[in-house]
Amino acid sequence: MSLAETIVGWQCIGCGRVDAPQPCIGVCQDRKVELVQAADYLRLWEQQQEVLARLRRWTHVQPHAGQFESAWQALQAEVRDLLARTDTAD
């Protein structure tokens, strides 16, 4: 996953209005959008990367002989499927 492109803007410390001035070409319209603080987004992205790294490690771990092998193989298959879907969403 790559981080989303960011722009620099201004936020009112009173009401919270966000403004990111750009060159106007005369067709501007205000529309309601949902925004997230870049620091919050980055924190969640880093947590996701940590979880994905752990999942990738789990796909290579093997239990001791005779201990939960079929359940472990099923878990690994599920993790591999999750990683495959996540990696293609990048």
N, C-alpha and C. Protein backbone atom coordinates (compact mmCIF):
# COMPACT_ATOMS: atom_id res chain seq x y z
N MET A 1 0.85 -1.18 0.00
CA MET A 1 0.00 0.00 0.00
C MET A 1 0.89 1.23 0.00
N SER A 2 0.54 2.17 -0.83
CA SER A 2 1.27 3.42 -0.82
C SER A 2 0.42 4.48 -0.14
N LEU A 3 1.09 5.46 0.42
CA LEU A 3 0.37 6.54 1.11
C LEU A 3 -0.33 7.42 0.09
N ALA A 4 -1.47 7.95 0.48
CA ALA A 4 -2.23 8.85 -0.39
C ALA A 4 -1.49 10.17 -0.53
N GLU A 5 -1.68 10.80 -1.67
CA GLU A 5 -1.10 12.12 -1.89
C GLU A 5 -1.73 13.11 -0.94
N THR A 6 -0.94 14.02 -0.43
CA THR A 6 -1.46 15.03 0.49
C THR A 6 -1.33 16.42 -0.13
N ILE A 7 -2.14 17.34 0.38
CA ILE A 7 -2.02 18.75 0.02
C ILE A 7 -1.94 19.54 1.31
N VAL A 8 -1.37 20.72 1.24
CA VAL A 8 -1.27 21.58 2.41
C VAL A 8 -2.43 22.55 2.38
N GLY A 9 -3.07 22.72 3.51
CA GLY A 9 -4.19 23.65 3.61
C GLY A 9 -4.18 24.35 4.96
N TRP A 10 -5.24 25.03 5.24
CA TRP A 10 -5.39 25.76 6.50
C TRP A 10 -6.65 25.27 7.19
N GLN A 11 -6.59 25.15 8.55
CA GLN A 11 -7.75 24.74 9.32
C GLN A 11 -7.99 25.77 10.42
N CYS A 12 -9.23 26.22 10.52
CA CYS A 12 -9.61 27.19 11.55
C CYS A 12 -9.56 26.52 12.91
N ILE A 13 -8.88 27.18 13.88
CA ILE A 13 -8.81 26.61 15.23
C ILE A 13 -10.11 26.81 16.00
N GLY A 14 -11.01 27.62 15.46
CA GLY A 14 -12.29 27.85 16.11
C GLY A 14 -13.36 26.90 15.62
N CYS A 15 -13.69 26.97 14.33
CA CYS A 15 -14.79 26.18 13.79
C CYS A 15 -14.32 24.90 13.11
N GLY A 16 -13.05 24.82 12.76
CA GLY A 16 -12.52 23.62 12.11
C GLY A 16 -12.57 23.64 10.59
N ARG A 17 -13.09 24.72 9.99
CA ARG A 17 -13.17 24.78 8.53
C ARG A 17 -11.78 24.60 7.93
N VAL A 18 -11.73 23.82 6.86
CA VAL A 18 -10.48 23.54 6.16
C VAL A 18 -10.51 24.27 4.83
N ASP A 19 -9.40 24.89 4.48
CA ASP A 19 -9.29 25.60 3.22
C ASP A 19 -7.95 25.25 2.60
N ALA A 20 -7.98 24.89 1.35
CA ALA A 20 -6.75 24.60 0.61
C ALA A 20 -6.82 25.35 -0.71
N PRO A 21 -6.38 26.59 -0.71
CA PRO A 21 -6.53 27.41 -1.91
C PRO A 21 -5.76 26.85 -3.10
N GLN A 22 -6.42 26.85 -4.23
CA GLN A 22 -5.85 26.40 -5.49
C GLN A 22 -6.18 27.45 -6.56
N PRO A 23 -5.47 27.48 -7.68
CA PRO A 23 -5.84 28.40 -8.75
C PRO A 23 -7.26 28.09 -9.26
N CYS A 24 -8.11 29.09 -9.31
CA CYS A 24 -9.49 28.90 -9.74
C CYS A 24 -9.58 29.05 -11.25
N ILE A 25 -10.33 28.15 -11.87
CA ILE A 25 -10.55 28.26 -13.32
C ILE A 25 -11.98 28.72 -13.61
N GLY A 26 -12.70 29.16 -12.56
CA GLY A 26 -14.02 29.75 -12.73
C GLY A 26 -15.19 28.79 -12.63
N VAL A 27 -14.95 27.54 -12.30
CA VAL A 27 -16.06 26.59 -12.19
C VAL A 27 -16.11 25.97 -10.80
N CYS A 28 -15.56 26.64 -9.82
CA CYS A 28 -15.48 26.07 -8.46
C CYS A 28 -16.86 25.89 -7.84
N GLN A 29 -17.02 24.80 -7.09
CA GLN A 29 -18.22 24.53 -6.30
C GLN A 29 -17.75 23.91 -4.99
N ASP A 30 -18.37 24.34 -3.90
CA ASP A 30 -18.06 23.71 -2.61
C ASP A 30 -18.90 22.46 -2.47
N ARG A 31 -18.26 21.38 -2.06
CA ARG A 31 -18.94 20.12 -1.79
C ARG A 31 -18.48 19.59 -0.45
N LYS A 32 -19.39 18.93 0.23
CA LYS A 32 -19.06 18.34 1.53
C LYS A 32 -18.13 17.13 1.29
N VAL A 33 -17.01 17.09 2.03
CA VAL A 33 -16.07 15.97 1.96
C VAL A 33 -15.71 15.54 3.37
N GLU A 34 -15.27 14.30 3.51
CA GLU A 34 -14.78 13.82 4.79
C GLU A 34 -13.26 13.80 4.73
N LEU A 35 -12.64 14.36 5.75
CA LEU A 35 -11.18 14.47 5.80
C LEU A 35 -10.66 13.78 7.05
N VAL A 36 -9.40 13.41 7.02
CA VAL A 36 -8.74 12.82 8.17
C VAL A 36 -7.39 13.51 8.33
N GLN A 37 -6.97 13.68 9.57
CA GLN A 37 -5.66 14.27 9.82
C GLN A 37 -4.58 13.35 9.27
N ALA A 38 -3.59 13.90 8.60
CA ALA A 38 -2.52 13.10 8.02
C ALA A 38 -1.79 12.28 9.08
N ALA A 39 -1.60 12.83 10.26
CA ALA A 39 -0.91 12.10 11.33
C ALA A 39 -1.70 10.86 11.76
N ASP A 40 -3.04 10.98 11.82
CA ASP A 40 -3.88 9.83 12.17
C ASP A 40 -3.82 8.77 11.07
N TYR A 41 -3.88 9.21 9.82
CA TYR A 41 -3.80 8.29 8.68
C TYR A 41 -2.46 7.56 8.69
N LEU A 42 -1.38 8.29 8.91
CA LEU A 42 -0.05 7.68 8.92
C LEU A 42 0.08 6.67 10.06
N ARG A 43 -0.46 7.00 11.23
CA ARG A 43 -0.40 6.08 12.37
C ARG A 43 -1.13 4.78 12.05
N LEU A 44 -2.32 4.87 11.46
CA LEU A 44 -3.07 3.67 11.10
C LEU A 44 -2.37 2.89 10.00
N TRP A 45 -1.78 3.58 9.04
CA TRP A 45 -1.05 2.92 7.96
C TRP A 45 0.14 2.15 8.52
N GLU A 46 0.87 2.76 9.46
CA GLU A 46 2.01 2.08 10.07
C GLU A 46 1.57 0.85 10.86
N GLN A 47 0.43 0.95 11.56
CA GLN A 47 -0.09 -0.21 12.28
C GLN A 47 -0.46 -1.32 11.31
N GLN A 48 -1.07 -0.97 10.20
CA GLN A 48 -1.43 -1.97 9.20
C GLN A 48 -0.17 -2.65 8.66
N GLN A 49 0.86 -1.89 8.40
CA GLN A 49 2.10 -2.47 7.89
C GLN A 49 2.70 -3.45 8.89
N GLU A 50 2.63 -3.12 10.17
CA GLU A 50 3.14 -4.02 11.21
C GLU A 50 2.34 -5.32 11.25
N VAL A 51 1.02 -5.21 11.17
CA VAL A 51 0.17 -6.41 11.17
C VAL A 51 0.48 -7.26 9.93
N LEU A 52 0.60 -6.65 8.78
CA LEU A 52 0.91 -7.40 7.57
C LEU A 52 2.27 -8.08 7.67
N ALA A 53 3.25 -7.43 8.26
CA ALA A 53 4.57 -8.04 8.43
C ALA A 53 4.48 -9.28 9.32
N ARG A 54 3.69 -9.19 10.38
CA ARG A 54 3.51 -10.35 11.27
C ARG A 54 2.80 -11.48 10.54
N LEU A 55 1.77 -11.15 9.77
CA LEU A 55 1.07 -12.18 9.01
C LEU A 55 2.01 -12.87 8.03
N ARG A 56 2.87 -12.09 7.38
CA ARG A 56 3.82 -12.69 6.44
C ARG A 56 4.77 -13.65 7.16
N ARG A 57 5.21 -13.29 8.36
CA ARG A 57 6.08 -14.19 9.13
C ARG A 57 5.35 -15.48 9.49
N TRP A 58 4.08 -15.37 9.87
CA TRP A 58 3.31 -16.55 10.28
C TRP A 58 3.17 -17.56 9.14
N THR A 59 3.19 -17.08 7.91
CA THR A 59 3.04 -18.02 6.79
C THR A 59 4.24 -18.93 6.65
N HIS A 60 5.35 -18.64 7.34
CA HIS A 60 6.57 -19.44 7.22
C HIS A 60 6.88 -20.25 8.47
N VAL A 61 6.06 -20.14 9.50
CA VAL A 61 6.30 -20.86 10.75
C VAL A 61 5.67 -22.25 10.66
N GLN A 62 6.37 -23.25 11.19
CA GLN A 62 5.86 -24.62 11.21
C GLN A 62 5.74 -25.11 12.64
N PRO A 63 4.63 -25.78 13.00
CA PRO A 63 4.49 -26.34 14.34
C PRO A 63 5.38 -27.58 14.48
N HIS A 64 5.60 -28.01 15.70
CA HIS A 64 6.35 -29.25 15.94
C HIS A 64 5.57 -30.42 15.35
N ALA A 65 6.27 -31.44 14.94
CA ALA A 65 5.65 -32.60 14.30
C ALA A 65 4.53 -33.16 15.16
N GLY A 66 3.36 -33.40 14.54
CA GLY A 66 2.22 -33.98 15.22
C GLY A 66 1.39 -33.01 16.04
N GLN A 67 1.74 -31.75 16.08
CA GLN A 67 1.00 -30.80 16.91
C GLN A 67 0.25 -29.79 16.05
N PHE A 68 -1.03 -29.98 15.94
CA PHE A 68 -1.92 -29.02 15.30
C PHE A 68 -1.58 -28.75 13.83
N GLU A 69 -1.00 -29.72 13.13
CA GLU A 69 -0.55 -29.45 11.76
C GLU A 69 -1.69 -29.07 10.82
N SER A 70 -2.81 -29.78 10.87
CA SER A 70 -3.90 -29.46 9.93
C SER A 70 -4.51 -28.10 10.24
N ALA A 71 -4.68 -27.78 11.52
CA ALA A 71 -5.22 -26.46 11.89
C ALA A 71 -4.25 -25.36 11.49
N TRP A 72 -2.98 -25.61 11.69
CA TRP A 72 -1.96 -24.61 11.34
C TRP A 72 -1.94 -24.38 9.83
N GLN A 73 -2.04 -25.47 9.07
CA GLN A 73 -2.05 -25.33 7.61
C GLN A 73 -3.27 -24.55 7.15
N ALA A 74 -4.42 -24.78 7.79
CA ALA A 74 -5.62 -24.02 7.44
C ALA A 74 -5.45 -22.54 7.78
N LEU A 75 -4.85 -22.25 8.94
CA LEU A 75 -4.59 -20.86 9.31
C LEU A 75 -3.64 -20.21 8.31
N GLN A 76 -2.58 -20.92 7.94
CA GLN A 76 -1.64 -20.36 6.98
C GLN A 76 -2.31 -20.09 5.63
N ALA A 77 -3.17 -20.98 5.20
CA ALA A 77 -3.88 -20.77 3.94
C ALA A 77 -4.77 -19.53 4.02
N GLU A 78 -5.44 -19.36 5.14
CA GLU A 78 -6.29 -18.19 5.32
C GLU A 78 -5.45 -16.90 5.33
N VAL A 79 -4.32 -16.93 6.01
CA VAL A 79 -3.44 -15.76 6.06
C VAL A 79 -2.89 -15.46 4.67
N ARG A 80 -2.49 -16.49 3.94
CA ARG A 80 -1.98 -16.27 2.57
C ARG A 80 -3.05 -15.64 1.69
N ASP A 81 -4.30 -16.11 1.83
CA ASP A 81 -5.40 -15.53 1.06
C ASP A 81 -5.60 -14.06 1.41
N LEU A 82 -5.57 -13.75 2.71
CA LEU A 82 -5.72 -12.36 3.16
C LEU A 82 -4.60 -11.50 2.61
N LEU A 83 -3.37 -11.99 2.68
CA LEU A 83 -2.24 -11.22 2.16
C LEU A 83 -2.34 -11.03 0.66
N ALA A 84 -2.77 -12.06 -0.05
CA ALA A 84 -2.91 -11.93 -1.51
C ALA A 84 -3.93 -10.85 -1.87
N ARG A 85 -5.05 -10.82 -1.15
CA ARG A 85 -6.06 -9.79 -1.41
C ARG A 85 -5.56 -8.41 -1.02
N THR A 86 -4.81 -8.32 0.07
CA THR A 86 -4.28 -7.04 0.54
C THR A 86 -3.20 -6.53 -0.39
N ASP A 87 -2.30 -7.42 -0.82
CA ASP A 87 -1.19 -7.00 -1.69
C ASP A 87 -1.69 -6.54 -3.05
N THR A 88 -2.78 -7.11 -3.56
CA THR A 88 -3.29 -6.68 -4.86
C THR A 88 -4.08 -5.39 -4.76
N ALA A 89 -4.46 -4.99 -3.54
CA ALA A 89 -5.20 -3.73 -3.35
C ALA A 89 -4.28 -2.53 -3.29
N ASP A 90 -2.97 -2.72 -3.33
CA ASP A 90 -2.01 -1.61 -3.23
C ASP A 90 -2.13 -0.65 -4.38
